[in-house]
PDB file of N, CA and C in Angstrom:
ATOM      1  N   GLN A   1       0.831  -1.202   0.000  1.00  0.00           N
ATOM      2  CA  GLN A   1       0.000   0.000   0.000  1.00  0.00           C
ATOM      3  C   GLN A   1       0.865   1.250   0.000  1.00  0.00           C
ATOM      4  N   VAL A   2       0.304   2.302  -0.571  1.00  0.00           N
ATOM      5  CA  VAL A   2       0.963   3.602  -0.613  1.00  0.00           C
ATOM      6  C   VAL A   2      -0.014   4.641  -0.083  1.00  0.00           C
ATOM      7  N   GLN A   3       0.416   5.388   0.920  1.00  0.00           N
ATOM      8  CA  GLN A   3      -0.384   6.506   1.407  1.00  0.00           C
ATOM      9  C   GLN A   3       0.226   7.805   0.885  1.00  0.00           C
ATOM     10  N   LEU A   4      -0.634   8.667   0.370  1.00  0.00           N
ATOM     11  CA  LEU A   4      -0.203   9.957  -0.179  1.00  0.00           C
ATOM     12  C   LEU A   4      -0.841  11.073   0.626  1.00  0.00           C
ATOM     13  N   VAL A   5      -0.026  11.992   1.101  1.00  0.00           N
ATOM     14  CA  VAL A   5      -0.514  13.124   1.881  1.00  0.00           C
ATOM     15  C   VAL A   5      -0.101  14.413   1.182  1.00  0.00           C
ATOM     16  N   GLU A   6      -1.112  15.198   0.808  1.00  0.00           N
ATOM     17  CA  GLU A   6      -0.872  16.439   0.083  1.00  0.00           C
ATOM     18  C   GLU A   6      -0.921  17.636   1.025  1.00  0.00           C
ATOM     19  N   SER A   7      -0.262  18.699   0.622  1.00  0.00           N
ATOM     20  CA  SER A   7      -0.340  19.962   1.352  1.00  0.00           C
ATOM     21  C   SER A   7      -0.026  21.094   0.403  1.00  0.00           C
ATOM     22  N   GLY A   8      -0.409  22.306   0.799  1.00  0.00           N
ATOM     23  CA  GLY A   8      -0.010  23.483   0.047  1.00  0.00           C
ATOM     24  C   GLY A   8      -1.096  24.179  -0.734  1.00  0.00           C
ATOM     25  N   GLY A   9      -2.304  23.651  -0.739  1.00  0.00           N
ATOM     26  CA  GLY A   9      -3.375  24.331  -1.450  1.00  0.00           C
ATOM     27  C   GLY A   9      -3.811  25.589  -0.720  1.00  0.00           C
ATOM     28  N   GLY A  10      -4.721  26.340  -1.339  1.00  0.00           N
ATOM     29  CA  GLY A  10      -5.218  27.540  -0.701  1.00  0.00           C
ATOM     30  C   GLY A  10      -5.843  28.494  -1.684  1.00  0.00           C
ATOM     31  N   LEU A  11      -6.038  29.716  -1.224  1.00  0.00           N
ATOM     32  CA  LEU A  11      -6.649  30.775  -2.031  1.00  0.00           C
ATOM     33  C   LEU A  11      -5.570  31.776  -2.412  1.00  0.00           C
ATOM     34  N   VAL A  12      -5.540  32.124  -3.698  1.00  0.00           N
ATOM     35  CA  VAL A  12      -4.542  33.060  -4.186  1.00  0.00           C
ATOM     36  C   VAL A  12      -5.168  33.915  -5.280  1.00  0.00           C
ATOM     37  N   GLN A  13      -4.673  35.120  -5.434  1.00  0.00           N
ATOM     38  CA  GLN A  13      -5.148  35.987  -6.510  1.00  0.00           C
ATOM     39  C   GLN A  13      -4.515  35.590  -7.840  1.00  0.00           C
ATOM     40  N   ALA A  14      -5.195  35.918  -8.907  1.00  0.00           N
ATOM     41  CA  ALA A  14      -4.664  35.656 -10.237  1.00  0.00           C
ATOM     42  C   ALA A  14      -3.282  36.288 -10.380  1.00  0.00           C
ATOM     43  N   GLY A  15      -2.370  35.526 -10.984  1.00  0.00           N
ATOM     44  CA  GLY A  15      -0.995  35.979 -11.114  1.00  0.00           C
ATOM     45  C   GLY A  15      -0.094  35.522  -9.991  1.00  0.00           C
ATOM     46  N   GLY A  16      -0.694  34.995  -8.931  1.00  0.00           N
ATOM     47  CA  GLY A  16       0.080  34.550  -7.792  1.00  0.00           C
ATOM     48  C   GLY A  16       0.646  33.154  -7.960  1.00  0.00           C
ATOM     49  N   SER A  17       1.255  32.654  -6.878  1.00  0.00           N
ATOM     50  CA  SER A  17       1.924  31.360  -6.905  1.00  0.00           C
ATOM     51  C   SER A  17       1.525  30.515  -5.702  1.00  0.00           C
ATOM     52  N   LEU A  18       1.560  29.221  -5.904  1.00  0.00           N
ATOM     53  CA  LEU A  18       1.382  28.247  -4.831  1.00  0.00           C
ATOM     54  C   LEU A  18       2.308  27.077  -5.100  1.00  0.00           C
ATOM     55  N   ARG A  19       2.673  26.386  -4.031  1.00  0.00           N
ATOM     56  CA  ARG A  19       3.476  25.179  -4.171  1.00  0.00           C
ATOM     57  C   ARG A  19       2.784  24.035  -3.458  1.00  0.00           C
ATOM     58  N   LEU A  20       2.484  22.992  -4.208  1.00  0.00           N
ATOM     59  CA  LEU A  20       1.878  21.799  -3.643  1.00  0.00           C
ATOM     60  C   LEU A  20       2.957  20.764  -3.357  1.00  0.00           C
ATOM     61  N   SER A  21       2.755  20.024  -2.269  1.00  0.00           N
ATOM     62  CA  SER A  21       3.653  18.939  -1.912  1.00  0.00           C
ATOM     63  C   SER A  21       2.855  17.670  -1.694  1.00  0.00           C
ATOM     64  N   CYS A  22       3.472  16.543  -1.985  1.00  0.00           N
ATOM     65  CA  CYS A  22       2.823  15.251  -1.756  1.00  0.00           C
ATOM     66  C   CYS A  22       3.885  14.254  -1.325  1.00  0.00           C
ATOM     67  N   ALA A  23       3.698  13.705  -0.148  1.00  0.00           N
ATOM     68  CA  ALA A  23       4.642  12.739   0.392  1.00  0.00           C
ATOM     69  C   ALA A  23       4.008  11.353   0.407  1.00  0.00           C
ATOM     70  N   ALA A  24       4.741  10.381  -0.089  1.00  0.00           N
ATOM     71  CA  ALA A  24       4.289   8.995  -0.100  1.00  0.00           C
ATOM     72  C   ALA A  24       4.936   8.252   1.054  1.00  0.00           C
ATOM     73  N   SER A  25       4.140   7.402   1.691  1.00  0.00           N
ATOM     74  CA  SER A  25       4.664   6.620   2.809  1.00  0.00           C
ATOM     75  C   SER A  25       4.004   5.254   2.839  1.00  0.00           C
ATOM     76  N   GLY A  26       4.543   4.402   3.696  1.00  0.00           N
ATOM     77  CA  GLY A  26       3.908   3.117   3.953  1.00  0.00           C
ATOM     78  C   GLY A  26       4.160   2.054   2.912  1.00  0.00           C
ATOM     79  N   THR A  27       5.252   2.215   2.160  1.00  0.00           N
ATOM     80  CA  THR A  27       5.454   1.246   1.095  1.00  0.00           C
ATOM     81  C   THR A  27       6.925   0.942   0.895  1.00  0.00           C
ATOM     82  N   MET A  28       7.167  -0.302   0.501  1.00  0.00           N
ATOM     83  CA  MET A  28       8.489  -0.671   0.024  1.00  0.00           C
ATOM     84  C   MET A  28       8.478  -0.817  -1.492  1.00  0.00           C
ATOM     85  N   LEU A  29       7.310  -0.537  -2.085  1.00  0.00           N
ATOM     86  CA  LEU A  29       7.195  -0.650  -3.528  1.00  0.00           C
ATOM     87  C   LEU A  29       7.964   0.471  -4.207  1.00  0.00           C
ATOM     88  N   ARG A  30       8.441   0.171  -5.387  1.00  0.00           N
ATOM     89  CA  ARG A  30       9.098   1.203  -6.167  1.00  0.00           C
ATOM     90  C   ARG A  30       8.031   2.098  -6.787  1.00  0.00           C
ATOM     91  N   ILE A  31       8.126   3.388  -6.521  1.00  0.00           N
ATOM     92  CA  ILE A  31       7.182   4.342  -7.095  1.00  0.00           C
ATOM     93  C   ILE A  31       7.737   4.805  -8.421  1.00  0.00           C
ATOM     94  N   ARG A  32       7.067   4.426  -9.488  1.00  0.00           N
ATOM     95  CA  ARG A  32       7.582   4.653 -10.832  1.00  0.00           C
ATOM     96  C   ARG A  32       7.248   6.043 -11.342  1.00  0.00           C
ATOM     97  N   VAL A  33       6.036   6.474 -11.088  1.00  0.00           N
ATOM     98  CA  VAL A  33       5.572   7.779 -11.560  1.00  0.00           C
ATOM     99  C   VAL A  33       4.843   8.475 -10.427  1.00  0.00           C
ATOM    100  N   MET A  34       5.086   9.743 -10.259  1.00  0.00           N
ATOM    101  CA  MET A  34       4.307  10.575  -9.355  1.00  0.00           C
ATOM    102  C   MET A  34       3.804  11.769 -10.146  1.00  0.00           C
ATOM    103  N   GLY A  35       2.619  12.196  -9.807  1.00  0.00           N
ATOM    104  CA  GLY A  35       2.074  13.303 -10.577  1.00  0.00           C
ATOM    105  C   GLY A  35       0.914  13.984  -9.894  1.00  0.00           C
ATOM    106  N   TRP A  36       0.371  14.949 -10.599  1.00  0.00           N
ATOM    107  CA  TRP A  36      -0.755  15.742 -10.124  1.00  0.00           C
ATOM    108  C   TRP A  36      -1.857  15.748 -11.172  1.00  0.00           C
ATOM    109  N   TYR A  37      -3.057  15.561 -10.680  1.00  0.00           N
ATOM    110  CA  TYR A  37      -4.255  15.689 -11.492  1.00  0.00           C
ATOM    111  C   TYR A  37      -5.124  16.746 -10.831  1.00  0.00           C
ATOM    112  N   ARG A  38      -6.102  17.249 -11.572  1.00  0.00           N
ATOM    113  CA  ARG A  38      -7.023  18.212 -10.975  1.00  0.00           C
ATOM    114  C   ARG A  38      -8.433  17.994 -11.505  1.00  0.00           C
ATOM    115  N   GLN A  39      -9.393  18.394 -10.687  1.00  0.00           N
ATOM    116  CA  GLN A  39     -10.791  18.270 -11.070  1.00  0.00           C
ATOM    117  C   GLN A  39     -11.535  19.518 -10.656  1.00  0.00           C
ATOM    118  N   ALA A  40     -12.029  20.232 -11.650  1.00  0.00           N
ATOM    119  CA  ALA A  40     -12.836  21.421 -11.402  1.00  0.00           C
ATOM    120  C   ALA A  40     -14.303  21.018 -11.311  1.00  0.00           C
ATOM    121  N   PRO A  41     -15.136  21.834 -10.669  1.00  0.00           N
ATOM    122  CA  PRO A  41     -16.560  21.498 -10.543  1.00  0.00           C
ATOM    123  C   PRO A  41     -17.208  21.259 -11.905  1.00  0.00           C
ATOM    124  N   GLY A  42     -17.893  20.139 -12.020  1.00  0.00           N
ATOM    125  CA  GLY A  42     -18.593  19.811 -13.250  1.00  0.00           C
ATOM    126  C   GLY A  42     -17.721  19.315 -14.372  1.00  0.00           C
ATOM    127  N   LYS A  43     -16.443  19.105 -14.090  1.00  0.00           N
ATOM    128  CA  LYS A  43     -15.529  18.647 -15.134  1.00  0.00           C
ATOM    129  C   LYS A  43     -14.873  17.338 -14.729  1.00  0.00           C
ATOM    130  N   GLN A  44     -14.326  16.644 -15.726  1.00  0.00           N
ATOM    131  CA  GLN A  44     -13.615  15.412 -15.449  1.00  0.00           C
ATOM    132  C   GLN A  44     -12.237  15.709 -14.873  1.00  0.00           C
ATOM    133  N   ARG A  45     -11.724  14.738 -14.139  1.00  0.00           N
ATOM    134  CA  ARG A  45     -10.368  14.859 -13.629  1.00  0.00           C
ATOM    135  C   ARG A  45      -9.398  14.829 -14.802  1.00  0.00           C
ATOM    136  N   GLU A  46      -8.417  15.743 -14.780  1.00  0.00           N
ATOM    137  CA  GLU A  46      -7.447  15.802 -15.858  1.00  0.00           C
ATOM    138  C   GLU A  46      -6.021  15.776 -15.315  1.00  0.00           C
ATOM    139  N   LEU A  47      -5.131  15.249 -16.146  1.00  0.00           N
ATOM    140  CA  LEU A  47      -3.729  15.217 -15.784  1.00  0.00           C
ATOM    141  C   LEU A  47      -3.165  16.636 -15.852  1.00  0.00           C
ATOM    142  N   VAL A  48      -2.370  16.997 -14.855  1.00  0.00           N
ATOM    143  CA  VAL A  48      -1.686  18.288 -14.857  1.00  0.00           C
ATOM    144  C   VAL A  48      -0.215  18.089 -15.214  1.00  0.00           C
ATOM    145  N   ALA A  49       0.455  17.216 -14.465  1.00  0.00           N
ATOM    146  CA  ALA A  49       1.877  16.986 -14.691  1.00  0.00           C
ATOM    147  C   ALA A  49       2.281  15.667 -14.057  1.00  0.00           C
ATOM    148  N   THR A  50       3.272  15.011 -14.664  1.00  0.00           N
ATOM    149  CA  THR A  50       3.819  13.791 -14.100  1.00  0.00           C
ATOM    150  C   THR A  50       5.341  13.833 -14.145  1.00  0.00           C
ATOM    151  N   ALA A  51       5.947  13.061 -13.263  1.00  0.00           N
ATOM    152  CA  ALA A  51       7.401  12.950 -13.222  1.00  0.00           C
ATOM    153  C   ALA A  51       7.765  11.499 -12.935  1.00  0.00           C
ATOM    154  N   THR A  52       8.602  10.919 -13.782  1.00  0.00           N
ATOM    155  CA  THR A  52       9.034   9.544 -13.573  1.00  0.00           C
ATOM    156  C   THR A  52      10.245   9.503 -12.646  1.00  0.00           C
ATOM    157  N   SER A  53      10.586   8.305 -12.218  1.00  0.00           N
ATOM    158  CA  SER A  53      11.706   8.147 -11.290  1.00  0.00           C
ATOM    159  C   SER A  53      13.041   8.492 -11.950  1.00  0.00           C
ATOM    160  N   ASP A  54      13.092   8.473 -13.281  1.00  0.00           N
ATOM    161  CA  ASP A  54      14.348   8.821 -13.953  1.00  0.00           C
ATOM    162  C   ASP A  54      14.388  10.280 -14.390  1.00  0.00           C
ATOM    163  N   GLY A  55      13.389  11.066 -13.966  1.00  0.00           N
ATOM    164  CA  GLY A  55      13.439  12.498 -14.196  1.00  0.00           C
ATOM    165  C   GLY A  55      12.643  13.025 -15.366  1.00  0.00           C
ATOM    166  N   SER A  56      12.009  12.167 -16.119  1.00  0.00           N
ATOM    167  CA  SER A  56      11.193  12.646 -17.240  1.00  0.00           C
ATOM    168  C   SER A  56       9.923  13.305 -16.719  1.00  0.00           C
ATOM    169  N   THR A  57       9.541  14.392 -17.355  1.00  0.00           N
ATOM    170  CA  THR A  57       8.336  15.121 -16.939  1.00  0.00           C
ATOM    171  C   THR A  57       7.390  15.303 -18.120  1.00  0.00           C
ATOM    172  N   ASN A  58       6.129  15.514 -17.762  1.00  0.00           N
ATOM    173  CA  ASN A  58       5.096  15.708 -18.771  1.00  0.00           C
ATOM    174  C   ASN A  58       4.076  16.680 -18.215  1.00  0.00           C
ATOM    175  N   TYR A  59       3.582  17.590 -19.075  1.00  0.00           N
ATOM    176  CA  TYR A  59       2.628  18.601 -18.634  1.00  0.00           C
ATOM    177  C   TYR A  59       1.457  18.696 -19.614  1.00  0.00           C
ATOM    178  N   VAL A  60       0.302  19.022 -19.074  1.00  0.00           N
ATOM    179  CA  VAL A  60      -0.812  19.381 -19.947  1.00  0.00           C
ATOM    180  C   VAL A  60      -0.490  20.742 -20.563  1.00  0.00           C
ATOM    181  N   ASP A  61      -0.926  20.950 -21.788  1.00  0.00           N
ATOM    182  CA  ASP A  61      -0.546  22.164 -22.512  1.00  0.00           C
ATOM    183  C   ASP A  61      -0.905  23.443 -21.760  1.00  0.00           C
ATOM    184  N   SER A  62      -2.023  23.436 -21.058  1.00  0.00           N
ATOM    185  CA  SER A  62      -2.515  24.657 -20.422  1.00  0.00           C
ATOM    186  C   SER A  62      -1.641  25.159 -19.283  1.00  0.00           C
ATOM    187  N   VAL A  63      -0.729  24.328 -18.777  1.00  0.00           N
ATOM    188  CA  VAL A  63       0.126  24.752 -17.664  1.00  0.00           C
ATOM    189  C   VAL A  63       1.588  24.867 -18.055  1.00  0.00           C
ATOM    190  N   LYS A  64       1.924  24.500 -19.270  1.00  0.00           N
ATOM    191  CA  LYS A  64       3.319  24.565 -19.708  1.00  0.00           C
ATOM    192  C   LYS A  64       3.841  25.989 -19.602  1.00  0.00           C
ATOM    193  N   GLY A  65       5.037  26.125 -19.032  1.00  0.00           N
ATOM    194  CA  GLY A  65       5.633  27.435 -18.840  1.00  0.00           C
ATOM    195  C   GLY A  65       5.218  28.117 -17.556  1.00  0.00           C
ATOM    196  N   ARG A  66       4.210  27.582 -16.878  1.00  0.00           N
ATOM    197  CA  ARG A  66       3.741  28.193 -15.624  1.00  0.00           C
ATOM    198  C   ARG A  66       3.939  27.261 -14.421  1.00  0.00           C
ATOM    199  N   PHE A  67       3.765  25.971 -14.633  1.00  0.00           N
ATOM    200  CA  PHE A  67       3.897  24.993 -13.556  1.00  0.00           C
ATOM    201  C   PHE A  67       5.170  24.190 -13.743  1.00  0.00           C
ATOM    202  N   THR A  68       5.767  23.786 -12.617  1.00  0.00           N
ATOM    203  CA  THR A  68       6.953  22.936 -12.649  1.00  0.00           C
ATOM    204  C   THR A  68       6.785  21.805 -11.645  1.00  0.00           C
ATOM    205  N   ILE A  69       6.941  20.584 -12.126  1.00  0.00           N
ATOM    206  CA  ILE A  69       6.870  19.421 -11.242  1.00  0.00           C
ATOM    207  C   ILE A  69       8.289  18.951 -10.944  1.00  0.00           C
ATOM    208  N   SER A  70       8.492  18.521  -9.708  1.00  0.00           N
ATOM    209  CA  SER A  70       9.800  18.006  -9.332  1.00  0.00           C
ATOM    210  C   SER A  70       9.620  16.887  -8.313  1.00  0.00           C
ATOM    211  N   ARG A  71      10.612  16.015  -8.239  1.00  0.00           N
ATOM    212  CA  ARG A  71      10.562  14.885  -7.323  1.00  0.00           C
ATOM    213  C   ARG A  71      11.812  14.827  -6.476  1.00  0.00           C
ATOM    214  N   ASP A  72      11.608  14.385  -5.244  1.00  0.00           N
ATOM    215  CA  ASP A  72      12.705  14.043  -4.356  1.00  0.00           C
ATOM    216  C   ASP A  72      12.578  12.539  -4.146  1.00  0.00           C
ATOM    217  N   ASN A  73      13.290  11.770  -4.941  1.00  0.00           N
ATOM    218  CA  ASN A  73      13.103  10.327  -4.914  1.00  0.00           C
ATOM    219  C   ASN A  73      13.422   9.690  -3.569  1.00  0.00           C
ATOM    220  N   PRO A  74      14.527  10.042  -2.908  1.00  0.00           N
ATOM    221  CA  PRO A  74      14.797   9.416  -1.599  1.00  0.00           C
ATOM    222  C   PRO A  74      13.686   9.680  -0.587  1.00  0.00           C
ATOM    223  N   LYS A  75      13.009  10.817  -0.717  1.00  0.00           N
ATOM    224  CA  LYS A  75      11.937  11.157   0.222  1.00  0.00           C
ATOM    225  C   LYS A  75      10.568  10.748  -0.294  1.00  0.00           C
ATOM    226  N   ASN A  76      10.523  10.169  -1.504  1.00  0.00           N
ATOM    227  CA  ASN A  76       9.234   9.800  -2.110  1.00  0.00           C
ATOM    228  C   ASN A  76       8.255  10.967  -2.065  1.00  0.00           C
ATOM    229  N   THR A  77       8.729  12.117  -2.454  1.00  0.00           N
ATOM    230  CA  THR A  77       7.927  13.335  -2.424  1.00  0.00           C
ATOM    231  C   THR A  77       7.923  13.993  -3.799  1.00  0.00           C
ATOM    232  N   VAL A  78       6.762  14.523  -4.157  1.00  0.00           N
ATOM    233  CA  VAL A  78       6.638  15.250  -5.416  1.00  0.00           C
ATOM    234  C   VAL A  78       6.079  16.632  -5.110  1.00  0.00           C
ATOM    235  N   TYR A  79       6.549  17.610  -5.871  1.00  0.00           N
ATOM    236  CA  TYR A  79       6.141  19.001  -5.696  1.00  0.00           C
ATOM    237  C   TYR A  79       5.550  19.532  -6.996  1.00  0.00           C
ATOM    238  N   LEU A  80       4.671  20.490  -6.854  1.00  0.00           N
ATOM    239  CA  LEU A  80       4.165  21.201  -8.026  1.00  0.00           C
ATOM    240  C   LEU A  80       4.233  22.690  -7.732  1.00  0.00           C
ATOM    241  N   GLN A  81       5.163  23.368  -8.372  1.00  0.00           N
ATOM    242  CA  GLN A  81       5.281  24.818  -8.248  1.00  0.00           C
ATOM    243  C   GLN A  81       4.384  25.449  -9.298  1.00  0.00           C
ATOM    244  N   MET A  82       3.421  26.217  -8.855  1.00  0.00           N
ATOM    245  CA  MET A  82       2.445  26.820  -9.757  1.00  0.00           C
ATOM    246  C   MET A  82       2.613  28.334  -9.730  1.00  0.00           C
ATOM    247  N   ASN A  83       3.007  28.886 -10.850  1.00  0.00           N
ATOM    248  CA  ASN A  83       3.193  30.331 -11.001  1.00  0.00           C
ATOM    249  C   ASN A  83       2.182  30.883 -11.999  1.00  0.00           C
ATOM    250  N   SER A  84       2.024  32.197 -11.973  1.00  0.00           N
ATOM    251  CA  SER A  84       1.111  32.878 -12.900  1.00  0.00           C
ATOM    252  C   SER A  84      -0.254  32.205 -12.919  1.00  0.00           C
ATOM    253  N   LEU A  85      -0.771  31.947 -11.749  1.00  0.00           N
ATOM    254  CA  LEU A  85      -2.038  31.221 -11.640  1.00  0.00           C
ATOM    255  C   LEU A  85      -3.186  32.015 -12.253  1.00  0.00           C
ATOM    256  N   LYS A  86      -4.108  31.272 -12.841  1.00  0.00           N
ATOM    257  CA  LYS A  86      -5.281  31.848 -13.487  1.00  0.00           C
ATOM    258  C   LYS A  86      -6.544  31.309 -12.822  1.00  0.00           C
ATOM    259  N   PRO A  87      -7.651  32.038 -12.911  1.00  0.00           N
ATOM    260  CA  PRO A  87      -8.905  31.526 -12.325  1.00  0.00           C
ATOM    261  C   PRO A  87      -9.273  30.137 -12.850  1.00  0.00           C
ATOM    262  N   GLU A  88      -8.935  29.840 -14.080  1.00  0.00           N
ATOM    263  CA  GLU A  88      -9.258  28.530 -14.633  1.00  0.00           C
ATOM    264  C   GLU A  88      -8.404  27.404 -14.059  1.00  0.00           C
ATOM    265  N   ASP A  89      -7.413  27.738 -13.250  1.00  0.00           N
ATOM    266  CA  ASP A  89      -6.639  26.710 -12.541  1.00  0.00           C
ATOM    267  C   ASP A  89      -7.349  26.261 -11.268  1.00  0.00           C
ATOM    268  N   THR A  90      -8.438  26.922 -10.916  1.00  0.00           N
ATOM    269  CA  THR A  90      -9.192  26.553  -9.725  1.00  0.00           C
ATOM    270  C   THR A  90      -9.723  25.132  -9.838  1.00  0.00           C
ATOM    271  N   ALA A  91      -9.386  24.315  -8.850  1.00  0.00           N
ATOM    272  CA  ALA A  91      -9.783  22.899  -8.866  1.00  0.00           C
ATOM    273  C   ALA A  91      -9.304  22.240  -7.583  1.00  0.00           C
ATOM    274  N   VAL A  92      -9.756  21.012  -7.394  1.00  0.00           N
ATOM    275  CA  VAL A  92      -9.145  20.159  -6.384  1.00  0.00           C
ATOM    276  C   VAL A  92      -7.993  19.423  -7.058  1.00  0.00           C
ATOM    277  N   TYR A  93      -6.829  19.525  -6.473  1.00  0.00           N
ATOM    278  CA  TYR A  93      -5.630  18.907  -7.033  1.00  0.00           C
ATOM    279  C   TYR A  93      -5.341  17.612  -6.265  1.00  0.00           C
ATOM    280  N   TYR A  94      -5.156  16.547  -7.019  1.00  0.00           N
ATOM    281  CA  TYR A  94      -4.921  15.224  -6.452  1.00  0.00           C
ATOM    282  C   TYR A  94      -3.521  14.734  -6.796  1.00  0.00           C
ATOM    283  N   CYS A  95      -2.853  14.220  -5.800  1.00  0.00           N
ATOM    284  CA  CYS A  95      -1.568  13.581  -6.008  1.00  0.00           C
ATOM    285  C   CYS A  95      -1.809  12.140  -6.454  1.00  0.00           C
ATOM    286  N   ASN A  96      -0.963  11.687  -7.358  1.00  0.00           N
ATOM    287  CA  ASN A  96      -1.071  10.323  -7.887  1.00  0.00           C
ATOM    288  C   ASN A  96       0.292   9.656  -7.865  1.00  0.00           C
ATOM    289  N   ALA A  97       0.288   8.373  -7.562  1.00  0.00           N
ATOM    290  CA  ALA A  97       1.523   7.590  -7.631  1.00  0.00           C
ATOM    291  C   ALA A  97       1.219   6.263  -8.323  1.00  0.00           C
ATOM    292  N   VAL A  98       2.134   5.862  -9.166  1.00  0.00           N
ATOM    293  CA  VAL A  98       2.054   4.555  -9.829  1.00  0.00           C
ATOM    294  C   VAL A  98       3.206   3.728  -9.285  1.00  0.00           C
ATOM    295  N   ALA A  99       2.871   2.596  -8.663  1.00  0.00           N
ATOM    296  CA  ALA A  99       3.900   1.864  -7.927  1.00  0.00           C
ATOM    297  C   ALA A  99       3.811   0.365  -8.172  1.00  0.00           C
ATOM    298  N   GLY A 100       4.948  -0.273  -7.965  1.00  0.00           N
ATOM    299  CA  GLY A 100       5.004  -1.718  -8.004  1.00  0.00           C
ATOM    300  C   GLY A 100       5.012  -2.305  -9.396  1.00  0.00           C
ATOM    301  N   LEU A 101       5.215  -3.616  -9.436  1.00  0.00           N
ATOM    302  CA  LEU A 101       5.270  -4.309 -10.717  1.00  0.00           C
ATOM    303  C   LEU A 101       3.930  -4.275 -11.445  1.00  0.00           C
ATOM    304  N   THR A 102       2.849  -4.154 -10.680  1.00  0.00           N
ATOM    305  CA  THR A 102       1.516  -4.124 -11.289  1.00  0.00           C
ATOM    306  C   THR A 102       1.125  -2.735 -11.755  1.00  0.00           C
ATOM    307  N   MET A 103       1.980  -1.741 -11.504  1.00  0.00           N
ATOM    308  CA  MET A 103       1.705  -0.352 -11.914  1.00  0.00           C
ATOM    309  C   MET A 103       0.336   0.096 -11.394  1.00  0.00           C
ATOM    310  N   ARG A 104       0.097  -0.163 -10.130  1.00  0.00           N
ATOM    311  CA  ARG A 104      -1.168   0.229  -9.539  1.00  0.00           C
ATOM    312  C   ARG A 104      -1.168   1.725  -9.236  1.00  0.00           C
ATOM    313  N   ASN A 105      -2.354   2.333  -9.389  1.00  0.00           N
ATOM    314  CA  ASN A 105      -2.520   3.753  -9.105  1.00  0.00           C
ATOM    315  C   ASN A 105      -2.951   3.977  -7.666  1.00  0.00           C
ATOM    316  N   TYR A 106      -2.355   4.980  -7.043  1.00  0.00           N
ATOM    317  CA  TYR A 106      -2.731   5.407  -5.704  1.00  0.00           C
ATOM    318  C   TYR A 106      -3.035   6.899  -5.764  1.00  0.00           C
ATOM    319  N   TRP A 107      -3.985   7.324  -4.902  1.00  0.00           N
ATOM    320  CA  TRP A 107      -4.437   8.711  -4.923  1.00  0.00           C
ATOM    321  C   TRP A 107      -4.402   9.330  -3.536  1.00  0.00           C
ATOM    322  N   GLY A 108      -4.084  10.618  -3.502  1.00  0.00           N
ATOM    323  CA  GLY A 108      -4.220  11.381  -2.281  1.00  0.00           C
ATOM    324  C   GLY A 108      -5.652  11.837  -2.091  1.00  0.00           C
ATOM    325  N   GLN A 109      -5.885  12.545  -0.994  1.00  0.00           N
ATOM    326  CA  GLN A 109      -7.241  12.954  -0.652  1.00  0.00           C
ATOM    327  C   GLN A 109      -7.666  14.222  -1.388  1.00  0.00           C
ATOM    328  N   GLY A 110      -6.722  14.919  -1.966  1.00  0.00           N
ATOM    329  CA  GLY A 110      -7.014  16.139  -2.710  1.00  0.00           C
ATOM    330  C   GLY A 110      -6.808  17.385  -1.873  1.00  0.00           C
ATOM    331  N   THR A 111      -6.388  18.449  -2.539  1.00  0.00           N
ATOM    332  CA  THR A 111      -6.219  19.735  -1.880  1.00  0.00           C
ATOM    333  C   THR A 111      -6.808  20.818  -2.783  1.00  0.00           C
ATOM    334  N   GLN A 112      -7.567  21.721  -2.190  1.00  0.00           N
ATOM    335  CA  GLN A 112      -8.270  22.733  -2.965  1.00  0.00           C
ATOM    336  C   GLN A 112      -7.335  23.885  -3.324  1.00  0.00           C
ATOM    337  N   VAL A 113      -7.351  24.257  -4.594  1.00  0.00           N
ATOM    338  CA  VAL A 113      -6.660  25.456  -5.071  1.00  0.00           C
ATOM    339  C   VAL A 113      -7.720  26.374  -5.672  1.00  0.00           C
ATOM    340  N   THR A 114      -7.806  27.580  -5.146  1.00  0.00           N
ATOM    341  CA  THR A 114      -8.767  28.563  -5.634  1.00  0.00           C
ATOM    342  C   THR A 114      -8.023  29.823  -6.054  1.00  0.00           C
ATOM    343  N   VAL A 115      -8.237  30.232  -7.301  1.00  0.00           N
ATOM    344  CA  VAL A 115      -7.592  31.427  -7.831  1.00  0.00           C
ATOM    345  C   VAL A 115      -8.674  32.460  -8.115  1.00  0.00           C
ATOM    346  N   SER A 116      -8.584  33.581  -7.426  1.00  0.00           N
ATOM    347  CA  SER A 116      -9.583  34.635  -7.599  1.00  0.00           C
ATOM    348  C   SER A 116      -9.125  35.631  -8.658  1.00  0.00           C
ATOM    349  N   SER A 117     -10.107  36.188  -9.344  1.00  0.00           N
ATOM    350  CA  SER A 117      -9.778  37.136 -10.423  1.00  0.00           C
ATOM    351  C   SER A 117      -9.697  38.557  -9.915  1.00  0.00           C
TER     352      SER A 117
END
């Protein structure tokens, strides 16, 4: 099992910045991918950014150039630095981890990010 604990959400004005953190614990499994997804009211959950254990990253087009994902592999922690935030970034942000030989998905409880205009 993998437990994911997120922190860092909150309310910020448009143009501001927030940093999300997600720490994984409770596992000896190899965590292959860690990432962030988000879900706005009335919309489907979408991928925001992912980072593999070898350092490869991937971003949804709408956040490229504004968000940066990073990992601390020894600490099993992933970060999402969000700059130049826009009201359309408002959503619940979920941490995700893909672990083990079965590539099972694990999810955090979610953290609210609200960007006011």
